[in-house]
Amino acid sequence: MGMKMKTKLLGLSLALTFTSSAAFSADCGEAPYKQPMIPNGEMADAEDIRKARLAVVAYSNKVDEYLTCMDQRAPRILPFLSKEQKVRWDEDLAEVHEKRRELQTQMNLAIRAYRKSSR
């Protein structure tokens, strides 16, 4: 086997290793997909809203930690990824962020509904 072929096989092997979800998350842990429950603001009491808000803040902090870790990890991994894998990397991180934004929006709506119903 020639040196060029060995180099290609090593590159392919590294790319496959780095693209497995276990390898992606080895340093950063799994993406925080388990979101807290948001109460119905019209039915919730102040304690329900307070607990949910604290849970959303804690979840948001976990997302920040995860995204920061993955951003710091990117320079070591991205050079070994194909164009399609880089697109997937970006999409996966954007999805984590978007799910967090959706949760925060739901929490804000619940708070508004709670305030409106408790007047």
N, C-alpha and C. Protein backbone atom coordinates (compact mmCIF):
# COMPACT_ATOMS: atom_id res chain seq x y z
N MET A 1 0.85 -1.17 0.00
CA MET A 1 0.00 0.00 0.00
C MET A 1 0.90 1.23 0.00
N GLY A 2 0.59 2.16 -0.90
CA GLY A 2 1.40 3.36 -1.03
C GLY A 2 1.14 4.35 0.09
N MET A 3 2.06 5.31 0.22
CA MET A 3 1.95 6.33 1.27
C MET A 3 0.69 7.17 1.09
N LYS A 4 0.34 7.51 -0.16
CA LYS A 4 -0.87 8.30 -0.41
C LYS A 4 -2.11 7.57 0.07
N MET A 5 -2.18 6.28 -0.21
CA MET A 5 -3.33 5.48 0.19
C MET A 5 -3.41 5.39 1.71
N LYS A 6 -2.27 5.19 2.37
CA LYS A 6 -2.25 5.13 3.84
C LYS A 6 -2.73 6.45 4.43
N THR A 7 -2.30 7.55 3.85
CA THR A 7 -2.71 8.88 4.33
C THR A 7 -4.21 9.06 4.16
N LYS A 8 -4.75 8.64 3.00
CA LYS A 8 -6.19 8.75 2.77
C LYS A 8 -6.97 7.88 3.75
N LEU A 9 -6.51 6.66 3.98
CA LEU A 9 -7.20 5.77 4.92
C LEU A 9 -7.15 6.33 6.34
N LEU A 10 -6.02 6.89 6.73
CA LEU A 10 -5.90 7.49 8.06
C LEU A 10 -6.85 8.68 8.18
N GLY A 11 -6.90 9.52 7.15
CA GLY A 11 -7.82 10.66 7.15
C GLY A 11 -9.27 10.22 7.24
N LEU A 12 -9.63 9.19 6.47
CA LEU A 12 -10.99 8.66 6.50
C LEU A 12 -11.31 8.09 7.87
N SER A 13 -10.37 7.37 8.42
CA SER A 13 -10.56 6.79 9.75
C SER A 13 -10.78 7.88 10.80
N LEU A 14 -9.97 8.93 10.75
CA LEU A 14 -10.12 10.04 11.68
C LEU A 14 -11.46 10.74 11.49
N ALA A 15 -11.84 10.95 10.25
CA ALA A 15 -13.12 11.62 9.97
C ALA A 15 -14.29 10.80 10.51
N LEU A 16 -14.26 9.49 10.29
CA LEU A 16 -15.32 8.63 10.81
C LEU A 16 -15.35 8.64 12.33
N THR A 17 -14.18 8.63 12.93
CA THR A 17 -14.10 8.67 14.39
C THR A 17 -14.67 9.97 14.92
N PHE A 18 -14.29 11.08 14.32
CA PHE A 18 -14.73 12.38 14.81
C PHE A 18 -16.20 12.65 14.52
N THR A 19 -16.78 11.97 13.55
CA THR A 19 -18.17 12.26 13.22
C THR A 19 -19.15 11.40 13.99
N SER A 20 -18.68 10.40 14.71
CA SER A 20 -19.63 9.65 15.53
C SER A 20 -20.07 10.53 16.68
N SER A 21 -21.32 10.40 17.08
CA SER A 21 -21.83 11.28 18.13
C SER A 21 -21.07 11.09 19.43
N ALA A 22 -20.59 9.90 19.70
CA ALA A 22 -19.81 9.68 20.92
C ALA A 22 -18.51 10.47 20.88
N ALA A 23 -17.87 10.50 19.72
CA ALA A 23 -16.62 11.25 19.61
C ALA A 23 -16.88 12.75 19.70
N PHE A 24 -17.97 13.21 19.08
CA PHE A 24 -18.30 14.63 19.15
C PHE A 24 -18.50 15.07 20.58
N SER A 25 -19.17 14.23 21.35
CA SER A 25 -19.56 14.65 22.68
C SER A 25 -18.59 14.19 23.76
N ALA A 26 -17.50 13.52 23.38
CA ALA A 26 -16.58 12.96 24.37
C ALA A 26 -16.06 14.01 25.33
N ASP A 27 -15.71 15.17 24.85
CA ASP A 27 -15.18 16.22 25.72
C ASP A 27 -16.28 17.11 26.28
N CYS A 28 -17.40 17.21 25.62
CA CYS A 28 -18.44 18.18 25.98
C CYS A 28 -19.67 17.52 26.58
N GLY A 29 -19.73 16.22 26.59
CA GLY A 29 -20.93 15.54 27.06
C GLY A 29 -22.00 15.57 25.98
N GLU A 30 -23.13 14.99 26.29
CA GLU A 30 -24.25 14.97 25.35
C GLU A 30 -24.90 16.35 25.31
N ALA A 31 -25.47 16.67 24.18
CA ALA A 31 -26.21 17.93 24.06
C ALA A 31 -27.38 17.90 25.04
N PRO A 32 -27.66 19.01 25.69
CA PRO A 32 -28.76 19.05 26.67
C PRO A 32 -30.12 19.13 26.00
N TYR A 33 -30.67 17.99 25.62
CA TYR A 33 -31.96 17.96 24.93
C TYR A 33 -33.14 17.84 25.89
N LYS A 34 -32.92 17.36 27.11
CA LYS A 34 -34.02 17.19 28.06
C LYS A 34 -34.39 18.55 28.65
N GLN A 35 -35.51 19.06 28.19
CA GLN A 35 -35.95 20.39 28.61
C GLN A 35 -36.92 20.30 29.79
N PRO A 36 -36.91 21.33 30.62
CA PRO A 36 -37.89 21.36 31.72
C PRO A 36 -39.30 21.60 31.18
N MET A 37 -40.28 21.20 31.97
CA MET A 37 -41.68 21.41 31.60
C MET A 37 -42.08 22.85 31.92
N ILE A 38 -42.87 23.41 31.04
CA ILE A 38 -43.39 24.76 31.23
C ILE A 38 -44.86 24.63 31.64
N PRO A 39 -45.24 25.23 32.77
CA PRO A 39 -46.64 25.12 33.21
C PRO A 39 -47.55 26.00 32.36
N ASN A 40 -48.82 25.67 32.39
CA ASN A 40 -49.83 26.51 31.77
C ASN A 40 -49.95 27.75 32.65
N GLY A 41 -49.59 28.89 32.12
CA GLY A 41 -49.58 30.12 32.90
C GLY A 41 -50.93 30.51 33.45
N GLU A 42 -52.01 30.14 32.77
CA GLU A 42 -53.34 30.47 33.23
C GLU A 42 -53.76 29.65 34.44
N MET A 43 -53.14 28.47 34.60
CA MET A 43 -53.51 27.56 35.69
C MET A 43 -52.46 27.52 36.80
N ALA A 44 -51.25 27.97 36.51
CA ALA A 44 -50.14 27.86 37.45
C ALA A 44 -50.25 28.88 38.58
N ASP A 45 -49.62 28.53 39.71
CA ASP A 45 -49.50 29.51 40.78
C ASP A 45 -48.09 30.11 40.73
N ALA A 46 -47.83 31.06 41.58
CA ALA A 46 -46.55 31.77 41.56
C ALA A 46 -45.37 30.82 41.75
N GLU A 47 -45.54 29.83 42.60
CA GLU A 47 -44.46 28.87 42.86
C GLU A 47 -44.16 28.02 41.63
N ASP A 48 -45.18 27.61 40.91
CA ASP A 48 -44.99 26.84 39.66
C ASP A 48 -44.19 27.66 38.65
N ILE A 49 -44.56 28.93 38.51
CA ILE A 49 -43.86 29.81 37.57
C ILE A 49 -42.42 30.02 38.00
N ARG A 50 -42.21 30.24 39.30
CA ARG A 50 -40.85 30.46 39.82
C ARG A 50 -39.97 29.23 39.56
N LYS A 51 -40.49 28.06 39.89
CA LYS A 51 -39.71 26.82 39.69
C LYS A 51 -39.41 26.59 38.21
N ALA A 52 -40.39 26.81 37.36
CA ALA A 52 -40.19 26.61 35.92
C ALA A 52 -39.15 27.60 35.39
N ARG A 53 -39.23 28.85 35.83
CA ARG A 53 -38.27 29.85 35.38
C ARG A 53 -36.85 29.48 35.80
N LEU A 54 -36.68 29.03 37.04
CA LEU A 54 -35.35 28.61 37.51
C LEU A 54 -34.84 27.41 36.70
N ALA A 55 -35.75 26.49 36.38
CA ALA A 55 -35.37 25.32 35.57
C ALA A 55 -34.96 25.73 34.16
N VAL A 56 -35.65 26.71 33.59
CA VAL A 56 -35.31 27.19 32.25
C VAL A 56 -33.95 27.89 32.27
N VAL A 57 -33.69 28.68 33.30
CA VAL A 57 -32.39 29.34 33.43
C VAL A 57 -31.28 28.31 33.57
N ALA A 58 -31.50 27.29 34.38
CA ALA A 58 -30.49 26.23 34.55
C ALA A 58 -30.25 25.49 33.23
N TYR A 59 -31.32 25.17 32.51
CA TYR A 59 -31.20 24.51 31.21
C TYR A 59 -30.44 25.40 30.23
N SER A 60 -30.77 26.67 30.21
CA SER A 60 -30.10 27.62 29.31
C SER A 60 -28.61 27.70 29.61
N ASN A 61 -28.26 27.66 30.89
CA ASN A 61 -26.84 27.66 31.27
C ASN A 61 -26.13 26.40 30.76
N LYS A 62 -26.81 25.25 30.83
CA LYS A 62 -26.23 24.01 30.31
C LYS A 62 -26.00 24.11 28.80
N VAL A 63 -26.96 24.70 28.11
CA VAL A 63 -26.82 24.88 26.66
C VAL A 63 -25.63 25.79 26.37
N ASP A 64 -25.51 26.88 27.11
CA ASP A 64 -24.36 27.79 26.93
C ASP A 64 -23.04 27.05 27.13
N GLU A 65 -22.95 26.25 28.19
CA GLU A 65 -21.73 25.49 28.46
C GLU A 65 -21.42 24.53 27.33
N TYR A 66 -22.44 23.82 26.86
CA TYR A 66 -22.27 22.85 25.78
C TYR A 66 -21.81 23.53 24.49
N LEU A 67 -22.49 24.62 24.11
CA LEU A 67 -22.14 25.31 22.87
C LEU A 67 -20.75 25.93 22.95
N THR A 68 -20.39 26.46 24.09
CA THR A 68 -19.04 27.03 24.28
C THR A 68 -18.00 25.93 24.15
N CYS A 69 -18.25 24.79 24.77
CA CYS A 69 -17.31 23.66 24.68
C CYS A 69 -17.16 23.20 23.23
N MET A 70 -18.29 23.06 22.53
CA MET A 70 -18.22 22.61 21.14
C MET A 70 -17.50 23.63 20.26
N ASP A 71 -17.71 24.92 20.53
CA ASP A 71 -17.00 25.96 19.78
C ASP A 71 -15.49 25.87 20.01
N GLN A 72 -15.11 25.58 21.24
CA GLN A 72 -13.68 25.45 21.56
C GLN A 72 -13.09 24.19 20.95
N ARG A 73 -13.91 23.18 20.78
CA ARG A 73 -13.47 21.91 20.22
C ARG A 73 -13.38 21.94 18.70
N ALA A 74 -14.15 22.82 18.09
CA ALA A 74 -14.27 22.85 16.63
C ALA A 74 -12.93 22.96 15.90
N PRO A 75 -12.00 23.81 16.31
CA PRO A 75 -10.75 23.92 15.55
C PRO A 75 -9.95 22.61 15.48
N ARG A 76 -10.13 21.74 16.47
CA ARG A 76 -9.41 20.46 16.45
C ARG A 76 -10.11 19.43 15.58
N ILE A 77 -11.41 19.60 15.36
CA ILE A 77 -12.19 18.58 14.65
C ILE A 77 -12.50 18.97 13.21
N LEU A 78 -12.90 20.21 13.00
CA LEU A 78 -13.38 20.62 11.68
C LEU A 78 -12.41 20.37 10.53
N PRO A 79 -11.10 20.49 10.72
CA PRO A 79 -10.20 20.22 9.59
C PRO A 79 -10.31 18.79 9.05
N PHE A 80 -10.82 17.86 9.86
CA PHE A 80 -10.91 16.46 9.44
C PHE A 80 -12.27 16.10 8.86
N LEU A 81 -13.20 17.05 8.85
CA LEU A 81 -14.56 16.76 8.39
C LEU A 81 -14.75 17.13 6.93
N SER A 82 -15.63 16.38 6.28
CA SER A 82 -16.00 16.72 4.91
C SER A 82 -16.92 17.94 4.94
N LYS A 83 -17.20 18.47 3.77
CA LYS A 83 -18.09 19.62 3.67
C LYS A 83 -19.47 19.27 4.25
N GLU A 84 -19.98 18.09 3.92
CA GLU A 84 -21.29 17.67 4.41
C GLU A 84 -21.29 17.50 5.94
N GLN A 85 -20.20 16.98 6.48
CA GLN A 85 -20.11 16.81 7.92
C GLN A 85 -20.03 18.16 8.64
N LYS A 86 -19.36 19.13 8.02
CA LYS A 86 -19.30 20.47 8.61
C LYS A 86 -20.67 21.12 8.63
N VAL A 87 -21.43 20.91 7.56
CA VAL A 87 -22.80 21.44 7.50
C VAL A 87 -23.63 20.80 8.61
N ARG A 88 -23.50 19.49 8.78
CA ARG A 88 -24.24 18.78 9.83
C ARG A 88 -23.84 19.28 11.21
N TRP A 89 -22.55 19.52 11.41
CA TRP A 89 -22.04 20.06 12.69
C TRP A 89 -22.76 21.38 13.00
N ASP A 90 -22.78 22.28 12.02
CA ASP A 90 -23.43 23.58 12.20
C ASP A 90 -24.93 23.43 12.46
N GLU A 91 -25.57 22.54 11.71
CA GLU A 91 -27.01 22.33 11.87
C GLU A 91 -27.34 21.78 13.26
N ASP A 92 -26.54 20.84 13.73
CA ASP A 92 -26.78 20.24 15.04
C ASP A 92 -26.65 21.29 16.15
N LEU A 93 -25.63 22.12 16.08
CA LEU A 93 -25.45 23.15 17.11
C LEU A 93 -26.54 24.21 17.01
N ALA A 94 -26.94 24.56 15.80
CA ALA A 94 -28.02 25.53 15.63
C ALA A 94 -29.33 24.98 16.19
N GLU A 95 -29.55 23.68 16.04
CA GLU A 95 -30.77 23.07 16.56
C GLU A 95 -30.81 23.14 18.09
N VAL A 96 -29.69 22.89 18.75
CA VAL A 96 -29.63 22.99 20.20
C VAL A 96 -29.99 24.42 20.63
N HIS A 97 -29.41 25.38 19.96
CA HIS A 97 -29.68 26.79 20.29
C HIS A 97 -31.14 27.14 20.02
N GLU A 98 -31.67 26.70 18.90
CA GLU A 98 -33.05 27.03 18.54
C GLU A 98 -34.05 26.41 19.51
N LYS A 99 -33.80 25.19 19.93
CA LYS A 99 -34.70 24.54 20.90
C LYS A 99 -34.68 25.31 22.22
N ARG A 100 -33.54 25.84 22.59
CA ARG A 100 -33.46 26.65 23.80
C ARG A 100 -34.29 27.93 23.64
N ARG A 101 -34.15 28.58 22.50
CA ARG A 101 -34.91 29.82 22.26
C ARG A 101 -36.41 29.55 22.30
N GLU A 102 -36.83 28.43 21.72
CA GLU A 102 -38.25 28.07 21.75
C GLU A 102 -38.73 27.87 23.18
N LEU A 103 -37.92 27.22 24.01
CA LEU A 103 -38.27 27.00 25.41
C LEU A 103 -38.37 28.33 26.16
N GLN A 104 -37.43 29.21 25.92
CA GLN A 104 -37.46 30.52 26.57
C GLN A 104 -38.71 31.31 26.16
N THR A 105 -39.08 31.21 24.91
CA THR A 105 -40.29 31.88 24.43
C THR A 105 -41.52 31.30 25.11
N GLN A 106 -41.58 29.97 25.22
CA GLN A 106 -42.70 29.33 25.91
C GLN A 106 -42.79 29.79 27.37
N MET A 107 -41.63 29.92 28.01
CA MET A 107 -41.62 30.37 29.40
C MET A 107 -42.13 31.80 29.50
N ASN A 108 -41.69 32.65 28.60
CA ASN A 108 -42.17 34.04 28.60
C ASN A 108 -43.67 34.11 28.40
N LEU A 109 -44.20 33.29 27.50
CA LEU A 109 -45.64 33.26 27.27
C LEU A 109 -46.39 32.78 28.51
N ALA A 110 -45.84 31.79 29.19
CA ALA A 110 -46.46 31.29 30.42
C ALA A 110 -46.46 32.36 31.51
N ILE A 111 -45.38 33.10 31.62
CA ILE A 111 -45.31 34.19 32.61
C ILE A 111 -46.35 35.26 32.29
N ARG A 112 -46.45 35.62 31.02
CA ARG A 112 -47.45 36.63 30.63
C ARG A 112 -48.87 36.15 30.92
N ALA A 113 -49.15 34.87 30.61
CA ALA A 113 -50.48 34.32 30.87
C ALA A 113 -50.75 34.28 32.37
N TYR A 114 -49.76 33.94 33.17
CA TYR A 114 -49.91 33.93 34.62
C TYR A 114 -50.24 35.33 35.13
N ARG A 115 -49.49 36.31 34.71
CA ARG A 115 -49.71 37.69 35.15
C ARG A 115 -51.11 38.18 34.74
N LYS A 116 -51.49 37.83 33.53
CA LYS A 116 -52.80 38.28 33.04
C LYS A 116 -53.93 37.62 33.84
N SER A 117 -53.77 36.33 34.16
CA SER A 117 -54.83 35.60 34.87
C SER A 117 -54.88 35.94 36.35
N SER A 118 -53.81 36.46 36.92
CA SER A 118 -53.81 36.75 38.36
C SER A 118 -54.16 38.19 38.67
N ARG A 119 -54.61 38.92 37.68
CA ARG A 119 -55.02 40.32 37.92
C ARG A 119 -56.40 40.38 38.49
